[in-house]
PDB file of N, CA and C in Angstrom:
ATOM      1  N   MET A   1       0.858  -1.225  -0.017  1.00  0.00           N
ATOM      2  CA  MET A   1       0.037   0.117   0.073  1.00  0.00           C
ATOM      3  C   MET A   1       0.781   1.271  -0.050  1.00  0.00           C
ATOM      4  N   LYS A   2       0.603   2.135  -0.900  1.00  0.00           N
ATOM      5  CA  LYS A   2       1.326   3.371  -1.049  1.00  0.00           C
ATOM      6  C   LYS A   2       0.929   4.493  -0.108  1.00  0.00           C
ATOM      7  N   THR A   3       1.774   5.125   0.577  1.00  0.00           N
ATOM      8  CA  THR A   3       1.440   6.324   1.382  1.00  0.00           C
ATOM      9  C   THR A   3       1.770   7.624   0.645  1.00  0.00           C
ATOM     10  N   PHE A   4       0.773   8.382   0.187  1.00  0.00           N
ATOM     11  CA  PHE A   4       0.872   9.473  -0.689  1.00  0.00           C
ATOM     12  C   PHE A   4       1.200  10.639   0.169  1.00  0.00           C
ATOM     13  N   ARG A   5       2.063  11.508  -0.408  1.00  0.00           N
ATOM     14  CA  ARG A   5       2.431  12.657   0.242  1.00  0.00           C
ATOM     15  C   ARG A   5       1.263  13.605   0.588  1.00  0.00           C
ATOM     16  N   ILE A   6       0.372  13.643  -0.404  1.00  0.00           N
ATOM     17  CA  ILE A   6      -0.929  14.498  -0.135  1.00  0.00           C
ATOM     18  C   ILE A   6      -2.136  13.577  -0.175  1.00  0.00           C
ATOM     19  N   SER A   7      -2.999  13.769   0.991  1.00  0.00           N
ATOM     20  CA  SER A   7      -4.060  12.910   1.045  1.00  0.00           C
ATOM     21  C   SER A   7      -5.166  13.257   0.151  1.00  0.00           C
ATOM     22  N   ALA A   8      -6.113  12.425  -0.190  1.00  0.00           N
ATOM     23  CA  ALA A   8      -7.282  12.812  -1.116  1.00  0.00           C
ATOM     24  C   ALA A   8      -7.981  13.949  -0.610  1.00  0.00           C
ATOM     25  N   ASP A   9      -8.181  14.218   0.659  1.00  0.00           N
ATOM     26  CA  ASP A   9      -8.878  15.300   1.107  1.00  0.00           C
ATOM     27  C   ASP A   9      -8.211  16.612   1.034  1.00  0.00           C
ATOM     28  N   GLN A  10      -6.874  16.704   0.592  1.00  0.00           N
ATOM     29  CA  GLN A  10      -6.175  17.758   0.527  1.00  0.00           C
ATOM     30  C   GLN A  10      -6.115  18.381  -0.919  1.00  0.00           C
ATOM     31  N   ILE A  11      -6.717  17.583  -1.943  1.00  0.00           N
ATOM     32  CA  ILE A  11      -6.541  17.955  -3.165  1.00  0.00           C
ATOM     33  C   ILE A  11      -7.597  18.973  -3.500  1.00  0.00           C
ATOM     34  N   LYS A  12      -7.101  20.065  -4.248  1.00  0.00           N
ATOM     35  CA  LYS A  12      -7.967  21.243  -4.504  1.00  0.00           C
ATOM     36  C   LYS A  12      -8.218  21.383  -5.964  1.00  0.00           C
ATOM     37  N   PRO A  13      -9.299  21.882  -6.436  1.00  0.00           N
ATOM     38  CA  PRO A  13      -9.561  21.999  -7.879  1.00  0.00           C
ATOM     39  C   PRO A  13      -8.534  23.054  -8.629  1.00  0.00           C
ATOM     40  N   LEU A  14      -7.381  22.728  -9.095  1.00  0.00           N
ATOM     41  CA  LEU A  14      -6.489  23.522  -9.725  1.00  0.00           C
ATOM     42  C   LEU A  14      -6.448  23.384 -11.272  1.00  0.00           C
ATOM     43  N   ALA A  15      -6.554  22.160 -11.788  1.00  0.00           N
ATOM     44  CA  ALA A  15      -6.624  21.878 -13.166  1.00  0.00           C
ATOM     45  C   ALA A  15      -7.609  20.843 -13.446  1.00  0.00           C
ATOM     46  N   MET A  16      -8.882  21.157 -13.456  1.00  0.00           N
ATOM     47  CA  MET A  16     -10.039  20.275 -13.485  1.00  0.00           C
ATOM     48  C   MET A  16     -10.211  19.897 -15.020  1.00  0.00           C
ATOM     49  N   ASN A  17     -10.805  18.612 -15.230  1.00  0.00           N
ATOM     50  CA  ASN A  17     -11.363  18.174 -16.499  1.00  0.00           C
ATOM     51  C   ASN A  17     -10.284  18.243 -17.636  1.00  0.00           C
ATOM     52  N   ARG A  18      -9.042  17.643 -17.274  1.00  0.00           N
ATOM     53  CA  ARG A  18      -7.928  17.488 -18.276  1.00  0.00           C
ATOM     54  C   ARG A  18      -7.580  16.170 -18.517  1.00  0.00           C
ATOM     55  N   GLY A  19      -8.298  15.084 -17.823  1.00  0.00           N
ATOM     56  CA  GLY A  19      -8.060  13.789 -18.056  1.00  0.00           C
ATOM     57  C   GLY A  19      -6.916  13.165 -17.168  1.00  0.00           C
ATOM     58  N   GLY A  20      -6.588  11.992 -17.522  1.00  0.00           N
ATOM     59  CA  GLY A  20      -5.629  11.207 -16.663  1.00  0.00           C
ATOM     60  C   GLY A  20      -4.144  11.433 -17.247  1.00  0.00           C
ATOM     61  N   CYS A  21      -3.278  10.971 -16.322  1.00  0.00           N
ATOM     62  CA  CYS A  21      -1.878  11.090 -16.673  1.00  0.00           C
ATOM     63  C   CYS A  21      -1.264   9.945 -15.849  1.00  0.00           C
ATOM     64  N   ILE A  22       0.157   9.776 -16.186  1.00  0.00           N
ATOM     65  CA  ILE A  22       0.981   8.722 -15.544  1.00  0.00           C
ATOM     66  C   ILE A  22       2.055   9.538 -14.761  1.00  0.00           C
ATOM     67  N   ALA A  23       2.156   9.175 -13.451  1.00  0.00           N
ATOM     68  CA  ALA A  23       3.232   9.795 -12.656  1.00  0.00           C
ATOM     69  C   ALA A  23       4.113   8.882 -11.878  1.00  0.00           C
ATOM     70  N   SER A  24       5.212   9.260 -11.558  1.00  0.00           N
ATOM     71  CA  SER A  24       6.083   8.455 -10.825  1.00  0.00           C
ATOM     72  C   SER A  24       5.831   8.523  -9.263  1.00  0.00           C
ATOM     73  N   ASP A  25       6.014   7.512  -8.585  1.00  0.00           N
ATOM     74  CA  ASP A  25       5.995   7.503  -7.097  1.00  0.00           C
ATOM     75  C   ASP A  25       7.081   8.405  -6.477  1.00  0.00           C
ATOM     76  N   MET A  26       8.106   8.893  -7.209  1.00  0.00           N
ATOM     77  CA  MET A  26       9.088   9.796  -6.671  1.00  0.00           C
ATOM     78  C   MET A  26       8.378  11.112  -6.435  1.00  0.00           C
ATOM     79  N   ILE A  27       7.329  11.472  -7.203  1.00  0.00           N
ATOM     80  CA  ILE A  27       6.569  12.556  -7.070  1.00  0.00           C
ATOM     81  C   ILE A  27       5.525  12.416  -6.020  1.00  0.00           C
ATOM     82  N   THR A  28       4.542  11.419  -6.182  1.00  0.00           N
ATOM     83  CA  THR A  28       3.398  11.276  -5.287  1.00  0.00           C
ATOM     84  C   THR A  28       3.610  10.675  -3.963  1.00  0.00           C
ATOM     85  N   VAL A  29       4.717   9.914  -3.986  1.00  0.00           N
ATOM     86  CA  VAL A  29       4.918   9.321  -2.527  1.00  0.00           C
ATOM     87  C   VAL A  29       6.099   9.867  -1.827  1.00  0.00           C
ATOM     88  N   ASP A  30       7.257  10.019  -2.695  1.00  0.00           N
ATOM     89  CA  ASP A  30       8.478  10.589  -2.173  1.00  0.00           C
ATOM     90  C   ASP A  30       8.521  12.170  -2.006  1.00  0.00           C
ATOM     91  N   GLY A  31       7.549  12.856  -2.740  1.00  0.00           N
ATOM     92  CA  GLY A  31       7.536  14.195  -2.589  1.00  0.00           C
ATOM     93  C   GLY A  31       8.488  15.203  -3.389  1.00  0.00           C
ATOM     94  N   LEU A  32       9.016  14.592  -4.535  1.00  0.00           N
ATOM     95  CA  LEU A  32       9.992  15.318  -5.286  1.00  0.00           C
ATOM     96  C   LEU A  32       9.098  16.164  -6.350  1.00  0.00           C
ATOM     97  N   ASN A  33       9.594  17.363  -6.724  1.00  0.00           N
ATOM     98  CA  ASN A  33       8.983  18.101  -7.727  1.00  0.00           C
ATOM     99  C   ASN A  33       8.965  17.297  -8.976  1.00  0.00           C
ATOM    100  N   VAL A  34       8.048  17.793 -10.009  1.00  0.00           N
ATOM    101  CA  VAL A  34       8.129  17.343 -11.390  1.00  0.00           C
ATOM    102  C   VAL A  34       9.511  17.914 -11.883  1.00  0.00           C
ATOM    103  N   GLY A  35      10.345  17.010 -12.468  1.00  0.00           N
ATOM    104  CA  GLY A  35      11.544  17.490 -13.069  1.00  0.00           C
ATOM    105  C   GLY A  35      11.646  17.307 -14.580  1.00  0.00           C
ATOM    106  N   TYR A  36      10.618  16.584 -15.044  1.00  0.00           N
ATOM    107  CA  TYR A  36      10.406  16.262 -16.505  1.00  0.00           C
ATOM    108  C   TYR A  36       8.990  15.958 -16.822  1.00  0.00           C
ATOM    109  N   MET A  37       8.468  16.524 -17.757  1.00  0.00           N
ATOM    110  CA  MET A  37       7.016  16.236 -18.049  1.00  0.00           C
ATOM    111  C   MET A  37       6.975  16.204 -19.655  1.00  0.00           C
ATOM    112  N   TYR A  38       6.332  15.353 -20.177  1.00  0.00           N
ATOM    113  CA  TYR A  38       6.066  15.269 -21.653  1.00  0.00           C
ATOM    114  C   TYR A  38       4.639  14.794 -22.005  1.00  0.00           C
ATOM    115  N   ARG A  39       4.253  15.117 -23.191  1.00  0.00           N
ATOM    116  CA  ARG A  39       2.931  14.821 -23.628  1.00  0.00           C
ATOM    117  C   ARG A  39       3.042  13.921 -24.848  1.00  0.00           C
ATOM    118  N   GLU A  40       2.511  12.667 -24.649  1.00  0.00           N
ATOM    119  CA  GLU A  40       2.495  11.817 -25.888  1.00  0.00           C
ATOM    120  C   GLU A  40       1.105  11.693 -26.314  1.00  0.00           C
ATOM    121  N   HIS A  41       0.925  10.919 -27.429  1.00  0.00           N
ATOM    122  CA  HIS A  41      -0.457  10.793 -27.952  1.00  0.00           C
ATOM    123  C   HIS A  41      -1.184   9.897 -26.965  1.00  0.00           C
ATOM    124  N   PRO A  42      -2.381  10.493 -26.598  1.00  0.00           N
ATOM    125  CA  PRO A  42      -3.249   9.657 -25.581  1.00  0.00           C
ATOM    126  C   PRO A  42      -3.576   8.207 -25.943  1.00  0.00           C
ATOM    127  N   SER A  43      -3.482   7.424 -24.900  1.00  0.00           N
ATOM    128  CA  SER A  43      -3.768   5.983 -25.233  1.00  0.00           C
ATOM    129  C   SER A  43      -5.218   5.584 -25.217  1.00  0.00           C
ATOM    130  N   ASN A  44      -6.159   6.419 -24.695  1.00  0.00           N
ATOM    131  CA  ASN A  44      -7.512   6.358 -24.802  1.00  0.00           C
ATOM    132  C   ASN A  44      -8.246   7.596 -24.595  1.00  0.00           C
ATOM    133  N   SER A  45      -9.527   7.676 -24.521  1.00  0.00           N
ATOM    134  CA  SER A  45     -10.373   9.061 -24.455  1.00  0.00           C
ATOM    135  C   SER A  45     -10.130   9.591 -23.139  1.00  0.00           C
ATOM    136  N   MET A  46      -9.741   8.814 -22.104  1.00  0.00           N
ATOM    137  CA  MET A  46      -9.568   9.426 -20.766  1.00  0.00           C
ATOM    138  C   MET A  46      -8.197   9.972 -20.395  1.00  0.00           C
ATOM    139  N   ASP A  47      -7.231   9.621 -21.409  1.00  0.00           N
ATOM    140  CA  ASP A  47      -5.882   9.898 -21.177  1.00  0.00           C
ATOM    141  C   ASP A  47      -5.517  11.322 -21.682  1.00  0.00           C
ATOM    142  N   SER A  48      -4.864  12.153 -21.072  1.00  0.00           N
ATOM    143  CA  SER A  48      -4.462  13.480 -21.461  1.00  0.00           C
ATOM    144  C   SER A  48      -3.118  13.343 -22.321  1.00  0.00           C
ATOM    145  N   GLY A  49      -2.486  12.238 -22.203  1.00  0.00           N
ATOM    146  CA  GLY A  49      -1.185  12.049 -22.791  1.00  0.00           C
ATOM    147  C   GLY A  49       0.054  12.472 -21.887  1.00  0.00           C
ATOM    148  N   TRP A  50      -0.114  13.152 -20.830  1.00  0.00           N
ATOM    149  CA  TRP A  50       0.921  13.805 -20.023  1.00  0.00           C
ATOM    150  C   TRP A  50       1.456  12.639 -19.141  1.00  0.00           C
ATOM    151  N   ARG A  51       2.802  12.897 -19.031  1.00  0.00           N
ATOM    152  CA  ARG A  51       3.696  11.879 -18.180  1.00  0.00           C
ATOM    153  C   ARG A  51       4.550  12.752 -17.415  1.00  0.00           C
ATOM    154  N   PHE A  52       4.569  12.525 -16.051  1.00  0.00           N
ATOM    155  CA  PHE A  52       5.340  13.275 -15.076  1.00  0.00           C
ATOM    156  C   PHE A  52       6.299  12.445 -14.303  1.00  0.00           C
ATOM    157  N   LEU A  53       7.628  12.905 -14.398  1.00  0.00           N
ATOM    158  CA  LEU A  53       8.598  12.190 -13.630  1.00  0.00           C
ATOM    159  C   LEU A  53       9.436  13.307 -12.799  1.00  0.00           C
ATOM    160  N   SER A  54      10.163  12.828 -11.870  1.00  0.00           N
ATOM    161  CA  SER A  54      10.950  13.634 -11.097  1.00  0.00           C
ATOM    162  C   SER A  54      12.314  14.005 -11.858  1.00  0.00           C
ATOM    163  N   GLY A  55      12.793  13.075 -12.738  1.00  0.00           N
ATOM    164  CA  GLY A  55      14.007  13.098 -13.368  1.00  0.00           C
ATOM    165  C   GLY A  55      15.073  12.419 -12.729  1.00  0.00           C
ATOM    166  N   HIS A  56      14.721  11.640 -11.481  1.00  0.00           N
ATOM    167  CA  HIS A  56      15.691  10.788 -10.984  1.00  0.00           C
ATOM    168  C   HIS A  56      15.463   9.355 -11.112  1.00  0.00           C
ATOM    169  N   GLU A  57      14.467   8.996 -11.833  1.00  0.00           N
ATOM    170  CA  GLU A  57      14.137   7.658 -12.035  1.00  0.00           C
ATOM    171  C   GLU A  57      14.979   6.857 -12.997  1.00  0.00           C
ATOM    172  N   SER A  58      15.536   5.797 -12.583  1.00  0.00           N
ATOM    173  CA  SER A  58      16.351   4.999 -13.578  1.00  0.00           C
ATOM    174  C   SER A  58      15.563   4.150 -14.336  1.00  0.00           C
ATOM    175  N   GLN A  59      16.230   3.510 -15.410  1.00  0.00           N
ATOM    176  CA  GLN A  59      15.299   2.599 -16.186  1.00  0.00           C
ATOM    177  C   GLN A  59      14.821   1.424 -15.565  1.00  0.00           C
ATOM    178  N   ASP A  60      15.606   0.836 -14.544  1.00  0.00           N
ATOM    179  CA  ASP A  60      15.099  -0.300 -13.631  1.00  0.00           C
ATOM    180  C   ASP A  60      13.805   0.286 -12.802  1.00  0.00           C
ATOM    181  N   TYR A  61      13.909   1.421 -12.326  1.00  0.00           N
ATOM    182  CA  TYR A  61      12.790   1.937 -11.451  1.00  0.00           C
ATOM    183  C   TYR A  61      11.505   2.046 -12.508  1.00  0.00           C
ATOM    184  N   MET A  62      11.666   2.642 -13.619  1.00  0.00           N
ATOM    185  CA  MET A  62      10.539   2.786 -14.576  1.00  0.00           C
ATOM    186  C   MET A  62       9.959   1.454 -15.098  1.00  0.00           C
ATOM    187  N   ASN A  63      10.936   0.460 -15.191  1.00  0.00           N
ATOM    188  CA  ASN A  63      10.437  -0.890 -15.613  1.00  0.00           C
ATOM    189  C   ASN A  63       9.669  -1.537 -14.559  1.00  0.00           C
ATOM    190  N   ASP A  64       9.525  -1.152 -13.294  1.00  0.00           N
ATOM    191  CA  ASP A  64       8.820  -1.605 -12.311  1.00  0.00           C
ATOM    192  C   ASP A  64       7.363  -1.012 -12.238  1.00  0.00           C
ATOM    193  N   SER A  65       6.476  -1.521 -12.827  1.00  0.00           N
ATOM    194  CA  SER A  65       5.060  -0.936 -12.922  1.00  0.00           C
ATOM    195  C   SER A  65       4.479  -0.521 -11.537  1.00  0.00           C
ATOM    196  N   SER A  66       5.021  -1.005 -10.490  1.00  0.00           N
ATOM    197  CA  SER A  66       4.367  -0.650  -9.201  1.00  0.00           C
ATOM    198  C   SER A  66       4.863   0.808  -8.753  1.00  0.00           C
ATOM    199  N   LYS A  67       5.770   1.343  -9.482  1.00  0.00           N
ATOM    200  CA  LYS A  67       6.500   2.566  -9.144  1.00  0.00           C
ATOM    201  C   LYS A  67       5.909   3.716  -9.868  1.00  0.00           C
ATOM    202  N   HIS A  68       4.820   3.557 -10.649  1.00  0.00           N
ATOM    203  CA  HIS A  68       4.048   4.701 -11.285  1.00  0.00           C
ATOM    204  C   HIS A  68       2.636   4.226 -11.395  1.00  0.00           C
ATOM    205  N   SER A  69       1.838   5.240 -11.413  1.00  0.00           N
ATOM    206  CA  SER A  69       0.457   4.940 -11.474  1.00  0.00           C
ATOM    207  C   SER A  69      -0.327   6.003 -12.423  1.00  0.00           C
ATOM    208  N   VAL A  70      -1.609   5.893 -12.708  1.00  0.00           N
ATOM    209  CA  VAL A  70      -2.387   6.673 -13.389  1.00  0.00           C
ATOM    210  C   VAL A  70      -3.167   7.607 -12.328  1.00  0.00           C
ATOM    211  N   TYR A  71      -3.238   8.920 -12.659  1.00  0.00           N
ATOM    212  CA  TYR A  71      -3.852   9.857 -11.878  1.00  0.00           C
ATOM    213  C   TYR A  71      -4.648  10.788 -12.680  1.00  0.00           C
ATOM    214  N   ASP A  72      -5.495  11.589 -12.015  1.00  0.00           N
ATOM    215  CA  ASP A  72      -6.254  12.639 -12.726  1.00  0.00           C
ATOM    216  C   ASP A  72      -5.091  13.767 -12.758  1.00  0.00           C
ATOM    217  N   VAL A  73      -4.968  14.480 -13.775  1.00  0.00           N
ATOM    218  CA  VAL A  73      -3.999  15.636 -13.948  1.00  0.00           C
ATOM    219  C   VAL A  73      -4.244  16.666 -12.794  1.00  0.00           C
ATOM    220  N   ASN A  74      -5.412  16.925 -12.317  1.00  0.00           N
ATOM    221  CA  ASN A  74      -5.524  17.747 -11.280  1.00  0.00           C
ATOM    222  C   ASN A  74      -4.773  17.347  -9.971  1.00  0.00           C
ATOM    223  N   THR A  75      -4.719  16.055  -9.889  1.00  0.00           N
ATOM    224  CA  THR A  75      -3.957  15.597  -8.647  1.00  0.00           C
ATOM    225  C   THR A  75      -2.421  15.914  -8.749  1.00  0.00           C
ATOM    226  N   LEU A  76      -1.952  15.863  -9.894  1.00  0.00           N
ATOM    227  CA  LEU A  76      -0.477  16.221 -10.172  1.00  0.00           C
ATOM    228  C   LEU A  76      -0.236  17.670 -10.140  1.00  0.00           C
ATOM    229  N   ALA A  77      -1.362  18.484 -10.552  1.00  0.00           N
ATOM    230  CA  ALA A  77      -1.165  20.010 -10.258  1.00  0.00           C
ATOM    231  C   ALA A  77      -1.092  20.336  -8.834  1.00  0.00           C
ATOM    232  N   ASN A  78      -1.743  19.460  -7.953  1.00  0.00           N
ATOM    233  CA  ASN A  78      -1.617  19.626  -6.535  1.00  0.00           C
ATOM    234  C   ASN A  78      -0.339  19.474  -6.055  1.00  0.00           C
ATOM    235  N   TYR A  79       0.337  18.436  -6.590  1.00  0.00           N
ATOM    236  CA  TYR A  79       1.783  18.079  -6.060  1.00  0.00           C
ATOM    237  C   TYR A  79       2.747  19.011  -6.502  1.00  0.00           C
ATOM    238  N   ASP A  80       2.431  19.644  -7.692  1.00  0.00           N
ATOM    239  CA  ASP A  80       3.460  20.680  -8.397  1.00  0.00           C
ATOM    240  C   ASP A  80       2.758  21.708  -9.286  1.00  0.00           C
ATOM    241  N   PRO A  81       2.284  22.749  -8.664  1.00  0.00           N
ATOM    242  CA  PRO A  81       1.401  23.673  -9.487  1.00  0.00           C
ATOM    243  C   PRO A  81       2.100  24.324 -10.681  1.00  0.00           C
ATOM    244  N   ASP A  82       3.588  24.166 -10.551  1.00  0.00           N
ATOM    245  CA  ASP A  82       4.370  24.748 -11.786  1.00  0.00           C
ATOM    246  C   ASP A  82       3.991  24.093 -12.979  1.00  0.00           C
ATOM    247  N   ILE A  83       3.448  22.990 -13.036  1.00  0.00           N
ATOM    248  CA  ILE A  83       2.870  22.246 -14.234  1.00  0.00           C
ATOM    249  C   ILE A  83       1.726  22.945 -15.038  1.00  0.00           C
ATOM    250  N   ILE A  84       0.845  23.646 -14.242  1.00  0.00           N
ATOM    251  CA  ILE A  84      -0.338  23.971 -14.767  1.00  0.00           C
ATOM    252  C   ILE A  84      -0.224  24.962 -16.023  1.00  0.00           C
ATOM    253  N   GLN A  85       0.724  25.714 -16.096  1.00  0.00           N
ATOM    254  CA  GLN A  85       0.915  26.753 -17.124  1.00  0.00           C
ATOM    255  C   GLN A  85       1.252  26.077 -18.517  1.00  0.00           C
ATOM    256  N   PHE A  86       1.724  24.729 -18.426  1.00  0.00           N
ATOM    257  CA  PHE A  86       2.052  24.001 -19.639  1.00  0.00           C
ATOM    258  C   PHE A  86       1.036  23.011 -20.137  1.00  0.00           C
ATOM    259  N   LEU A  87      -0.071  22.816 -19.366  1.00  0.00           N
ATOM    260  CA  LEU A  87      -0.925  21.663 -19.567  1.00  0.00           C
ATOM    261  C   LEU A  87      -1.680  21.802 -20.869  1.00  0.00           C
ATOM    262  N   ASP A  88      -1.760  22.993 -21.596  1.00  0.00           N
ATOM    263  CA  ASP A  88      -2.424  23.146 -22.788  1.00  0.00           C
ATOM    264  C   ASP A  88      -1.487  23.007 -24.040  1.00  0.00           C
ATOM    265  N   SER A  89      -0.306  22.559 -23.712  1.00  0.00           N
ATOM    266  CA  SER A  89       0.627  22.327 -24.713  1.00  0.00           C
ATOM    267  C   SER A  89       0.382  21.106 -25.546  1.00  0.00           C
ATOM    268  N   ALA A  90       0.931  21.152 -26.759  1.00  0.00           N
ATOM    269  CA  ALA A  90       0.447  20.153 -27.739  1.00  0.00           C
ATOM    270  C   ALA A  90       1.169  18.806 -27.524  1.00  0.00           C
ATOM    271  N   THR A  91       0.591  17.797 -28.082  1.00  0.00           N
ATOM    272  CA  THR A  91       1.325  16.537 -28.063  1.00  0.00           C
ATOM    273  C   THR A  91       2.676  16.543 -28.551  1.00  0.00           C
ATOM    274  N   GLY A  92       3.655  15.993 -27.943  1.00  0.00           N
ATOM    275  CA  GLY A  92       5.034  16.149 -28.328  1.00  0.00           C
ATOM    276  C   GLY A  92       5.868  17.073 -27.566  1.00  0.00           C
ATOM    277  N   SER A  93       5.158  17.890 -26.741  1.00  0.00           N
ATOM    278  CA  SER A  93       5.834  18.855 -25.841  1.00  0.00           C
ATOM    279  C   SER A  93       6.559  18.172 -24.775  1.00  0.00           C
ATOM    280  N   GLU A  94       7.722  18.741 -24.290  1.00  0.00           N
ATOM    281  CA  GLU A  94       8.497  18.286 -23.237  1.00  0.00           C
ATOM    282  C   GLU A  94       9.027  19.560 -22.447  1.00  0.00           C
ATOM    283  N   PHE A  95       9.074  19.324 -21.084  1.00  0.00           N
ATOM    284  CA  PHE A  95       9.502  20.348 -20.206  1.00  0.00           C
ATOM    285  C   PHE A  95      10.347  19.692 -19.234  1.00  0.00           C
ATOM    286  N   GLU A  96      11.366  20.530 -18.780  1.00  0.00           N
ATOM    287  CA  GLU A  96      12.269  19.959 -17.774  1.00  0.00           C
ATOM    288  C   GLU A  96      12.673  21.056 -16.787  1.00  0.00           C
ATOM    289  N   ARG A  97      13.071  20.526 -15.589  1.00  0.00           N
ATOM    290  CA  ARG A  97      13.654  21.526 -14.525  1.00  0.00           C
ATOM    291  C   ARG A  97      15.024  21.250 -14.399  1.00  0.00           C
ATOM    292  N   VAL A  98      15.984  22.161 -14.622  1.00  0.00           N
ATOM    293  CA  VAL A  98      17.459  21.859 -14.606  1.00  0.00           C
ATOM    294  C   VAL A  98      17.891  21.578 -13.272  1.00  0.00           C
ATOM    295  N   ASP A  99      17.311  22.154 -12.234  1.00  0.00           N
ATOM    296  CA  ASP A  99      17.679  21.820 -10.857  1.00  0.00           C
ATOM    297  C   ASP A  99      16.350  22.016 -10.121  1.00  0.00           C
ATOM    298  N   ASN A 100      16.401  21.428  -8.916  1.00  0.00           N
ATOM    299  CA  ASN A 100      15.053  21.353  -8.044  1.00  0.00           C
ATOM    300  C   ASN A 100      14.342  22.844  -7.810  1.00  0.00           C
ATOM    301  N   ASN A 101      15.227  23.698  -7.888  1.00  0.00           N
ATOM    302  CA  ASN A 101      14.688  25.169  -7.521  1.00  0.00           C
ATOM    303  C   ASN A 101      14.445  26.020  -8.910  1.00  0.00           C
ATOM    304  N   ALA A 102      14.755  25.434  -9.963  1.00  0.00           N
ATOM    305  CA  ALA A 102      14.587  26.143 -11.274  1.00  0.00           C
ATOM    306  C   ALA A 102      13.125  25.854 -11.757  1.00  0.00           C
ATOM    307  N   ALA A 103      12.811  26.887 -12.539  1.00  0.00           N
ATOM    308  CA  ALA A 103      11.461  26.700 -13.270  1.00  0.00           C
ATOM    309  C   ALA A 103      11.424  25.687 -14.342  1.00  0.00           C
ATOM    310  N   LEU A 104      10.321  25.108 -14.689  1.00  0.00           N
ATOM    311  CA  LEU A 104      10.349  24.138 -15.852  1.00  0.00           C
ATOM    312  C   LEU A 104      10.414  25.049 -17.030  1.00  0.00           C
ATOM    313  N   THR A 105      11.210  24.483 -18.028  1.00  0.00           N
ATOM    314  CA  THR A 105      11.459  25.117 -19.239  1.00  0.00           C
ATOM    315  C   THR A 105      11.165  24.123 -20.501  1.00  0.00           C
ATOM    316  N   LYS A 106      10.856  24.701 -21.600  1.00  0.00           N
ATOM    317  CA  LYS A 106      10.563  23.815 -22.774  1.00  0.00           C
ATOM    318  C   LYS A 106      11.985  23.202 -23.163  1.00  0.00           C
ATOM    319  N   VAL A 107      11.757  21.983 -23.511  1.00  0.00           N
ATOM    320  CA  VAL A 107      12.939  21.151 -24.090  1.00  0.00           C
ATOM    321  C   VAL A 107      13.051  21.436 -25.556  1.00  0.00           C
ATOM    322  N   ILE A 108      14.150  21.976 -25.988  1.00  0.00           N
ATOM    323  CA  ILE A 108      14.259  22.224 -27.498  1.00  0.00           C
ATOM    324  C   ILE A 108      15.065  21.005 -28.115  1.00  0.00           C
ATOM    325  N   SER A 109      14.426  20.373 -29.124  1.00  0.00           N
ATOM    326  CA  SER A 109      15.060  19.304 -29.634  1.00  0.00           C
ATOM    327  C   SER A 109      15.878  19.659 -30.942  1.00  0.00           C
TER     328      SER A 109
END
């Protein structure tokens, strides 16, 4: 059983009706900021396509499906409100935080 950093009754309406997303336990359980976020083509009608990582996940960590889960995008906005300004970005968009105190910036490929 996971112990989340924010309890369900603490979730506020910050980014409603945006669908689901995938996020790492390093954010929702360990309490790290979003360090990397990207939007891929949604896998179904309820999926926003957004994926949120702390930036510290190894490939082995990500290969363990118990280390990430599906959440409402609003839930992730409560964990890190810095993501809200980017949620309307197009599929294929990527943003990263160079260090924990820096702002998220667009990844230029």
